[in-house]
Amino acid sequence: MKILYLLFAVFLLLFQATSGSADPLFADTTACRSAQGSFCRAGACPPTFAATGTCHGGLMNCCSK
């Protein structure tokens, strides 16, 4: 039972440095997210949104109203 606490502490220390997004920050992704109401989406944008650019190096669409 004591090994369980030790393993939990080790996992906590390992994953502490990986907080936040692990995605690389592409220039087009930061430009899309900086615009108000814009978001990145794989595939087509929802019906009330239009594709205004790309995200993640051209792999995703930047959708905004």
C-alpha atoms as a PDB file:
ATOM      1  CA  MET A   1       0.000   0.000   0.000  1.00  0.00           C
ATOM      2  CA  LYS A   2       2.931   2.317   0.665  1.00  0.00           C
ATOM      3  CA  ILE A   3       4.166   1.843  -2.905  1.00  0.00           C
ATOM      4  CA  LEU A   4       0.893   3.300  -4.175  1.00  0.00           C
ATOM      5  CA  TYR A   5       1.592   6.613  -2.424  1.00  0.00           C
ATOM      6  CA  LEU A   6       5.108   6.647  -3.805  1.00  0.00           C
ATOM      7  CA  LEU A   7       3.906   5.992  -7.352  1.00  0.00           C
ATOM      8  CA  PHE A   8       1.304   8.726  -7.037  1.00  0.00           C
ATOM      9  CA  ALA A   9       3.972  11.205  -5.914  1.00  0.00           C
ATOM     10  CA  VAL A  10       6.255  10.257  -8.809  1.00  0.00           C
ATOM     11  CA  PHE A  11       3.453  10.672 -11.363  1.00  0.00           C
ATOM     12  CA  LEU A  12       2.537  14.006  -9.823  1.00  0.00           C
ATOM     13  CA  LEU A  13       6.099  15.245 -10.196  1.00  0.00           C
ATOM     14  CA  LEU A  14       6.417  13.926 -13.755  1.00  0.00           C
ATOM     15  CA  PHE A  15       3.225  15.503 -15.024  1.00  0.00           C
ATOM     16  CA  GLN A  16       3.673  18.783 -13.173  1.00  0.00           C
ATOM     17  CA  ALA A  17       5.894  20.140 -15.953  1.00  0.00           C
ATOM     18  CA  THR A  18       3.370  19.237 -18.665  1.00  0.00           C
ATOM     19  CA  SER A  19       0.593  21.554 -17.586  1.00  0.00           C
ATOM     20  CA  GLY A  20      -1.196  23.551 -20.262  1.00  0.00           C
ATOM     21  CA  SER A  21      -1.384  22.772 -23.932  1.00  0.00           C
ATOM     22  CA  ALA A  22       1.160  20.373 -25.364  1.00  0.00           C
ATOM     23  CA  ASP A  23       0.432  21.582 -28.908  1.00  0.00           C
ATOM     24  CA  PRO A  24       3.206  23.494 -30.639  1.00  0.00           C
ATOM     25  CA  LEU A  25       2.363  27.158 -31.081  1.00  0.00           C
ATOM     26  CA  PHE A  26       2.054  27.874 -34.780  1.00  0.00           C
ATOM     27  CA  ALA A  27       1.796  31.489 -35.925  1.00  0.00           C
ATOM     28  CA  ASP A  28      -1.571  30.905 -37.580  1.00  0.00           C
ATOM     29  CA  THR A  29      -2.954  29.264 -34.433  1.00  0.00           C
ATOM     30  CA  THR A  30      -2.021  32.183 -32.200  1.00  0.00           C
ATOM     31  CA  ALA A  31      -3.435  34.640 -34.749  1.00  0.00           C
ATOM     32  CA  CYS A  32      -6.720  32.724 -34.849  1.00  0.00           C
ATOM     33  CA  ARG A  33      -7.042  32.465 -31.075  1.00  0.00           C
ATOM     34  CA  SER A  34      -6.189  36.136 -30.556  1.00  0.00           C
ATOM     35  CA  ALA A  35      -9.254  37.227 -32.543  1.00  0.00           C
ATOM     36  CA  GLN A  36     -12.346  37.454 -30.369  1.00  0.00           C
ATOM     37  CA  GLY A  37     -14.870  34.707 -31.056  1.00  0.00           C
ATOM     38  CA  SER A  38     -12.517  32.644 -33.216  1.00  0.00           C
ATOM     39  CA  PHE A  39     -11.550  29.034 -32.618  1.00  0.00           C
ATOM     40  CA  CYS A  40      -9.747  26.190 -34.374  1.00  0.00           C
ATOM     41  CA  ARG A  41     -11.698  23.215 -35.636  1.00  0.00           C
ATOM     42  CA  ALA A  42     -10.851  20.115 -37.636  1.00  0.00           C
ATOM     43  CA  GLY A  43     -13.179  19.822 -40.602  1.00  0.00           C
ATOM     44  CA  ALA A  44     -15.883  22.259 -41.598  1.00  0.00           C
ATOM     45  CA  CYS A  45     -17.007  25.140 -39.387  1.00  0.00           C
ATOM     46  CA  PRO A  46     -20.471  25.087 -37.771  1.00  0.00           C
ATOM     47  CA  PRO A  47     -23.318  26.559 -39.844  1.00  0.00           C
ATOM     48  CA  THR A  48     -23.262  30.035 -38.266  1.00  0.00           C
ATOM     49  CA  PHE A  49     -19.473  30.373 -38.564  1.00  0.00           C
ATOM     50  CA  ALA A  50     -17.182  30.930 -41.552  1.00  0.00           C
ATOM     51  CA  ALA A  51     -13.637  29.706 -42.154  1.00  0.00           C
ATOM     52  CA  THR A  52     -11.426  32.799 -41.953  1.00  0.00           C
ATOM     53  CA  GLY A  53      -8.019  31.115 -41.981  1.00  0.00           C
ATOM     54  CA  THR A  54      -6.080  28.079 -40.869  1.00  0.00           C
ATOM     55  CA  CYS A  55      -4.669  26.686 -37.628  1.00  0.00           C
ATOM     56  CA  HIS A  56      -1.930  24.214 -36.701  1.00  0.00           C
ATOM     57  CA  GLY A  57       0.108  24.825 -39.822  1.00  0.00           C
ATOM     58  CA  GLY A  58      -2.844  24.542 -42.207  1.00  0.00           C
ATOM     59  CA  LEU A  59      -4.284  21.313 -40.810  1.00  0.00           C
ATOM     60  CA  MET A  60      -7.357  22.896 -39.188  1.00  0.00           C
ATOM     61  CA  ASN A  61      -9.782  25.711 -39.979  1.00  0.00           C
ATOM     62  CA  CYS A  62     -10.033  28.970 -38.069  1.00  0.00           C
ATOM     63  CA  CYS A  63     -13.756  29.583 -37.585  1.00  0.00           C
ATOM     64  CA  SER A  64     -15.280  32.948 -36.691  1.00  0.00           C
ATOM     65  CA  LYS A  65     -18.649  34.695 -37.008  1.00  0.00           C
END
